[in-house]
Protein backbone atom coordinates (compact mmCIF):
# COMPACT_ATOMS: atom_id res chain seq x y z
CA MET A 1 -16.85 188.53 79.05
CA ASP A 2 -15.25 185.80 80.15
CA LEU A 3 -12.89 183.51 78.58
CA ARG A 4 -15.17 181.19 77.86
CA GLN A 5 -17.11 183.21 76.21
CA LEU A 6 -14.17 184.17 74.05
CA GLU A 7 -13.40 180.66 73.52
CA SER A 8 -17.08 179.77 71.95
CA PHE A 9 -16.69 182.99 70.19
CA VAL A 10 -13.39 182.79 68.29
CA ALA A 11 -14.29 178.98 67.16
CA VAL A 12 -17.63 179.79 65.80
CA ALA A 13 -16.16 182.50 64.16
CA ASP A 14 -13.25 180.58 62.81
CA LEU A 15 -15.25 177.43 61.71
CA GLY A 16 -18.43 179.31 60.68
CA GLY A 17 -21.06 176.99 62.50
CA MET A 18 -22.39 176.71 65.99
CA SER A 19 -22.33 173.18 65.27
CA ARG A 20 -18.56 173.01 64.53
CA ALA A 21 -17.73 175.03 66.69
CA ALA A 22 -19.45 172.83 69.71
CA VAL A 23 -17.35 169.65 68.17
CA HIS A 24 -14.36 171.50 68.69
CA LEU A 25 -14.68 172.71 72.08
CA GLN A 26 -16.58 169.30 72.71
CA MET A 27 -19.50 171.35 74.01
CA ALA A 28 -23.25 170.96 73.01
CA GLN A 29 -23.99 173.26 70.55
CA PRO A 30 -26.73 174.78 72.99
CA SER A 31 -24.16 175.59 75.22
CA VAL A 32 -21.90 177.58 72.46
CA SER A 33 -25.31 178.95 71.38
CA ARG A 34 -25.79 180.43 74.75
CA GLN A 35 -22.06 181.64 75.22
CA ILE A 36 -22.51 183.36 72.37
CA ALA A 37 -25.98 185.42 73.39
CA LEU A 38 -24.38 186.00 76.83
CA LEU A 39 -21.41 188.04 74.44
CA GLU A 40 -23.54 189.84 72.90
CA LYS A 41 -25.94 191.06 75.10
CA GLU A 42 -23.31 192.45 77.18
CA LEU A 43 -21.59 193.73 74.41
CA GLY A 44 -24.53 194.92 72.65
CA GLN A 45 -24.35 194.16 69.19
CA ARG A 46 -24.31 191.41 66.89
CA LEU A 47 -21.36 189.70 66.53
CA LEU A 48 -22.37 186.49 63.84
CA GLU A 49 -25.18 186.84 60.91
CA ARG A 50 -26.41 183.89 59.81
CA HIS A 51 -26.06 182.29 56.14
CA GLY A 52 -26.31 179.80 53.61
CA ARG A 53 -23.34 177.29 54.89
CA GLY A 54 -23.68 178.92 58.51
CA VAL A 55 -22.26 181.55 60.12
CA LYS A 56 -20.28 184.58 59.87
CA PRO A 57 -18.84 187.57 62.21
CA THR A 58 -20.57 190.90 61.68
CA GLU A 59 -18.32 193.92 61.45
CA ALA A 60 -17.76 194.31 65.41
CA GLY A 61 -17.44 190.41 65.34
CA ARG A 62 -14.51 190.64 63.11
CA VAL A 63 -13.34 193.74 65.48
CA LEU A 64 -14.43 191.11 68.99
CA ALA A 65 -12.53 188.41 66.67
CA GLY A 66 -9.06 190.35 66.38
CA HIS A 67 -9.24 191.30 69.90
CA ALA A 68 -9.82 188.17 71.72
CA ARG A 69 -7.20 186.02 70.17
CA LYS A 70 -5.02 187.81 71.22
CA MET A 71 -6.38 187.98 74.69
CA LEU A 72 -6.67 183.72 74.59
CA GLU A 73 -2.96 183.54 73.65
CA GLN A 74 -2.03 185.81 76.76
CA ALA A 75 -4.09 183.55 78.72
CA ARG A 76 -2.38 179.87 77.71
CA HIS A 77 0.55 181.64 78.23
CA ALA A 78 -0.12 183.03 81.76
CA ARG A 79 -1.03 179.36 82.33
CA ASP A 80 2.07 178.08 80.83
CA GLU A 81 4.55 180.00 82.64
CA MET A 82 2.10 179.45 86.39
CA GLN A 83 2.60 176.05 85.34
CA ASP A 84 6.48 176.55 84.94
CA LEU A 85 7.36 177.53 88.79
CA GLY A 86 6.43 174.44 89.57
CA SER A 87 8.09 171.05 90.10
CA ARG A 88 5.70 169.59 87.34
CA VAL A 89 6.42 170.74 84.05
CA ALA A 90 3.43 171.50 81.57
CA GLY A 91 2.34 173.53 79.19
CA ARG A 92 2.28 173.15 75.55
CA CYS A 93 4.67 174.44 72.10
CA VAL A 94 3.46 174.37 68.94
CA ILE A 95 5.94 174.22 66.21
CA GLY A 96 5.93 175.22 62.84
CA LEU A 97 7.62 172.64 60.25
CA PRO A 98 7.99 173.21 56.01
CA PRO A 99 6.57 169.69 54.97
CA ARG A 100 10.14 168.07 54.21
CA LEU A 101 11.75 169.04 57.62
CA ALA A 102 8.32 167.37 58.93
CA LEU A 103 8.77 164.55 57.16
CA ALA A 104 12.59 163.84 57.94
CA HIS A 105 12.62 164.71 61.46
CA ALA A 106 9.12 165.24 63.34
CA PRO A 107 9.58 161.48 64.41
CA SER A 108 12.52 162.02 66.24
CA LEU A 109 11.19 165.84 67.86
CA VAL A 110 7.48 164.32 69.14
CA MET A 111 9.81 161.22 71.01
CA ALA A 112 12.62 163.52 72.19
CA PHE A 113 10.34 166.08 73.76
CA ARG A 114 7.39 163.82 74.78
CA GLU A 115 10.78 162.39 76.77
CA ARG A 116 11.94 165.88 78.37
CA PHE A 117 8.55 167.06 79.15
CA PRO A 118 5.95 163.78 79.42
CA ASN A 119 3.44 166.47 81.21
CA ALA A 120 3.67 168.60 78.41
CA ALA A 121 2.34 168.93 74.93
CA ILE A 122 3.54 168.98 71.63
CA THR A 123 1.36 169.78 68.08
CA VAL A 124 3.76 170.17 64.76
CA LEU A 125 2.24 172.61 62.35
CA GLU A 126 3.24 171.67 58.84
CA GLY A 127 2.89 174.88 56.71
CA LEU A 128 4.99 176.54 53.62
CA SER A 129 7.31 178.83 55.34
CA VAL A 130 5.56 181.94 54.08
CA SER A 131 2.31 180.92 56.05
CA LEU A 132 3.77 180.01 59.53
CA ARG A 133 6.01 183.40 59.96
CA GLU A 134 2.19 184.94 59.61
CA SER A 135 1.16 182.42 62.27
CA LEU A 136 4.20 183.33 64.55
CA ILE A 137 3.66 186.23 63.91
CA THR A 138 -0.20 186.26 65.23
CA GLY A 139 0.84 183.95 67.95
CA HIS A 140 -0.81 180.72 66.12
CA VAL A 141 2.65 178.61 66.69
CA ASP A 142 5.48 179.50 69.28
CA LEU A 143 8.31 177.83 67.18
CA ALA A 144 9.36 177.18 63.70
CA LEU A 145 12.01 176.24 61.15
CA LEU A 146 11.47 179.06 58.25
CA PHE A 147 13.34 178.88 54.91
CA ASP A 148 14.50 182.00 53.62
CA PRO A 149 11.53 184.37 55.40
CA ALA A 150 11.04 187.95 54.62
CA PRO A 151 13.02 189.97 57.42
CA THR A 152 9.96 191.34 60.12
CA PRO A 153 11.13 193.50 63.93
CA LEU A 154 8.85 190.80 64.67
CA LEU A 155 10.99 187.58 64.96
CA ARG A 156 14.24 186.91 66.01
CA TYR A 157 16.01 184.40 63.11
CA GLU A 158 19.21 182.21 64.29
CA PRO A 159 20.62 180.32 61.06
CA LEU A 160 21.15 177.01 61.16
CA LEU A 161 21.87 175.62 57.76
CA ARG A 162 22.65 177.50 54.13
CA GLU A 163 22.40 174.97 50.87
CA ARG A 164 23.55 176.04 47.61
CA LEU A 165 20.47 175.27 45.06
CA CYS A 166 20.80 172.62 42.16
CA LEU A 167 19.75 171.48 38.64
CA VAL A 168 18.52 168.26 38.99
CA ALA A 169 17.58 166.40 35.28
CA PRO A 170 16.60 162.65 34.38
CA ALA A 171 18.56 160.30 34.17
CA GLY A 172 21.39 160.46 30.98
CA CYS A 173 21.37 163.76 30.51
CA GLN A 174 24.41 165.53 29.93
CA LEU A 175 24.99 168.66 32.73
CA PRO A 176 27.74 171.14 32.77
CA ALA A 177 29.66 170.74 36.02
CA VAL A 178 28.58 174.22 37.37
CA VAL A 179 24.89 175.52 35.43
CA GLY A 180 25.19 179.12 35.03
CA LEU A 181 22.30 181.88 35.56
CA ALA A 182 21.92 182.12 32.05
CA THR A 183 21.83 178.54 30.90
CA LEU A 184 18.24 178.16 33.19
CA SER A 185 15.87 179.68 30.52
CA ASN A 186 17.54 176.20 28.22
CA TYR A 187 15.51 173.63 30.59
CA PRO A 188 12.11 172.29 30.76
CA LEU A 189 11.42 172.45 34.56
CA ILE A 190 9.10 171.95 37.51
CA LEU A 191 8.57 174.24 39.78
CA PRO A 192 6.45 174.69 43.28
CA SER A 193 4.29 177.90 42.69
CA GLU A 194 4.40 180.99 44.51
CA PRO A 195 4.80 181.61 47.93
CA ASN A 196 7.09 178.80 48.02
CA SER A 197 10.44 180.11 49.13
CA ILE A 198 12.66 178.22 46.15
CA ARG A 199 10.42 180.35 43.84
CA ARG A 200 10.71 183.51 45.37
CA LEU A 201 14.20 182.83 46.07
CA LEU A 202 14.38 182.12 41.69
CA GLU A 203 12.44 185.05 41.43
CA ARG A 204 14.47 187.70 43.13
CA GLN A 205 17.75 185.91 41.56
CA LEU A 206 17.01 185.82 37.97
CA ARG A 207 14.35 187.97 37.23
CA PRO A 208 16.09 191.84 37.57
CA ARG A 209 18.75 189.30 35.15
CA GLY A 210 15.73 189.39 32.36
CA ILE A 211 16.41 185.65 32.84
CA ALA A 212 12.42 183.78 31.72
CA LEU A 213 12.46 180.58 33.19
CA GLN A 214 10.66 177.74 30.69
CA VAL A 215 8.67 176.21 33.41
CA ARG A 216 6.42 173.15 32.20
CA ALA A 217 4.70 172.26 35.85
CA GLU A 218 3.78 173.79 39.10
CA VAL A 219 4.31 171.33 41.54
CA GLY A 220 4.03 171.10 45.27
CA ALA A 221 5.68 168.31 46.87
CA VAL A 222 9.89 167.53 45.95
CA GLN A 223 8.51 164.03 46.38
CA THR A 224 6.23 164.18 43.53
CA THR A 225 8.19 166.98 41.29
CA LEU A 226 11.77 164.15 41.14
CA ALA A 227 9.66 161.99 40.54
CA LEU A 228 8.20 163.33 37.69
CA VAL A 229 11.90 164.70 36.79
CA ALA A 230 12.64 160.33 36.77
CA SER A 231 10.03 160.38 34.31
CA GLY A 232 11.76 162.48 32.09
CA THR A 233 8.98 165.23 32.02
CA GLY A 234 11.27 168.22 33.08
CA CYS A 235 13.63 169.50 35.66
CA THR A 236 13.42 171.26 38.37
CA LEU A 237 15.43 173.39 40.93
CA VAL A 238 15.89 172.33 45.00
CA PRO A 239 18.65 172.14 47.59
CA GLN A 240 21.46 169.44 47.65
CA SER A 241 19.53 167.99 50.33
CA ALA A 242 16.36 167.08 49.02
CA LEU A 243 18.34 164.95 46.45
CA ARG A 244 17.47 162.07 49.25
CA LEU A 245 13.75 162.00 48.35
CA GLY A 246 14.40 161.17 44.50
CA PRO A 247 16.20 158.38 42.51
CA PRO A 248 19.71 158.31 42.58
CA ALA A 249 20.18 157.95 38.95
CA LEU A 250 19.53 161.95 39.23
CA ARG A 251 21.48 163.98 37.63
CA HIS A 252 22.24 167.17 38.97
CA ALA A 253 24.87 170.01 38.88
CA PRO A 254 24.92 173.05 41.34
CA VAL A 255 23.58 176.40 40.01
CA GLY A 256 25.93 179.46 39.19
CA PRO A 257 27.77 181.51 39.52
CA PRO A 258 26.59 183.15 41.51
CA ALA A 259 25.05 180.77 42.59
CA ILE A 260 22.00 180.32 45.19
CA TRP A 261 21.70 180.21 48.26
CA ASN A 262 18.91 178.25 50.55
CA ARG A 263 18.70 179.73 53.84
CA LEU A 264 17.04 177.74 57.16
CA VAL A 265 16.25 179.76 60.21
CA LEU A 266 14.90 179.25 63.48
CA ALA A 267 12.69 181.67 64.19
CA THR A 268 11.06 182.57 67.20
CA PRO A 269 8.95 186.12 68.31
CA VAL A 270 10.92 188.79 69.72
CA ALA A 271 8.22 190.03 72.22
CA ARG A 272 6.32 186.88 74.12
CA ALA A 273 8.09 185.18 76.80
CA ALA A 274 9.04 181.97 76.21
CA THR A 275 8.10 178.94 78.84
CA ARG A 276 10.59 176.71 79.74
CA VAL A 277 8.46 173.73 77.18
CA ILE A 278 9.21 176.30 74.44
CA ARG A 279 12.18 176.58 75.87
CA GLY A 280 12.87 173.09 75.81
CA ALA A 281 11.49 172.95 72.18
CA GLU A 282 14.09 175.38 70.69
CA SER A 283 16.76 173.88 71.94
CA LEU A 284 15.78 170.35 70.51
CA LEU A 285 15.51 172.35 66.98
CA GLN A 286 18.81 173.83 67.32
CA GLN A 287 19.96 169.85 68.05
CA LEU A 288 18.93 168.26 64.56
CA ASP A 289 21.05 167.58 61.64
CA PHE A 290 19.15 169.47 58.55
CA THR A 291 22.28 167.89 56.22
CA GLY A 292 20.04 165.24 55.66
CA ALA A 293 16.90 166.86 55.78
CA ALA A 294 13.99 166.25 52.70
CA ARG A 295 11.74 169.18 51.75
């Protein structure tokens, strides 16, 4: 059982087919099939079974896939650490960013990384904070910026920014200086659906108080949400920095008392050793200016 066999197997298991895995691995399909056959022969287990749209792991295959992903990840980190010992800094860093932070910061982040580490590779993975948190735990992401993540002993959180939520309304709408929590139910709202961090933050604050929101529509992207607010479809709730994505004529007011705060953290794995490239990427993330970021 070698790493090439495991890499082929994981690709087939994840992508659901030999041909798709072959394209992903830049290998001929017969070569991928041969790697799987050798692995099954060595282990004495059938690892894949065919169905109408491709293949899926058997029970033994699912067990092996879990071990194989960890082994491949450890091999990658071992390679990166060995490269760290040389004068030519190489390796790879996978950074997870929520969509609005990727929109605002990915270009400058990638350019700064390429300037500091010309021989290294950077991958920017966009996703919701909930999914990025899981990718950090499973080893698919090296570093991530997360909004209001759930605590876990497996990750270290460094606070970077704390923002108050605002109610945003169409131009011409009269808002009070501060919008109390109890009055939020009076406004027709456009909100992201679960498991978005803002939605979960609102539910944690409002549900114990018995406050039910009047949700008119659920929309994932903040840009689209603010466009709907501008059209008069409803109101929304966002951190203040996200207002940059909408028209300047939109009205807004902070929510509270009590205020609801959105928290941004830099998340890193506790147990996994960081290479020089990952430490450099972490430093670049710490230097970003998030006060004007857009989600």
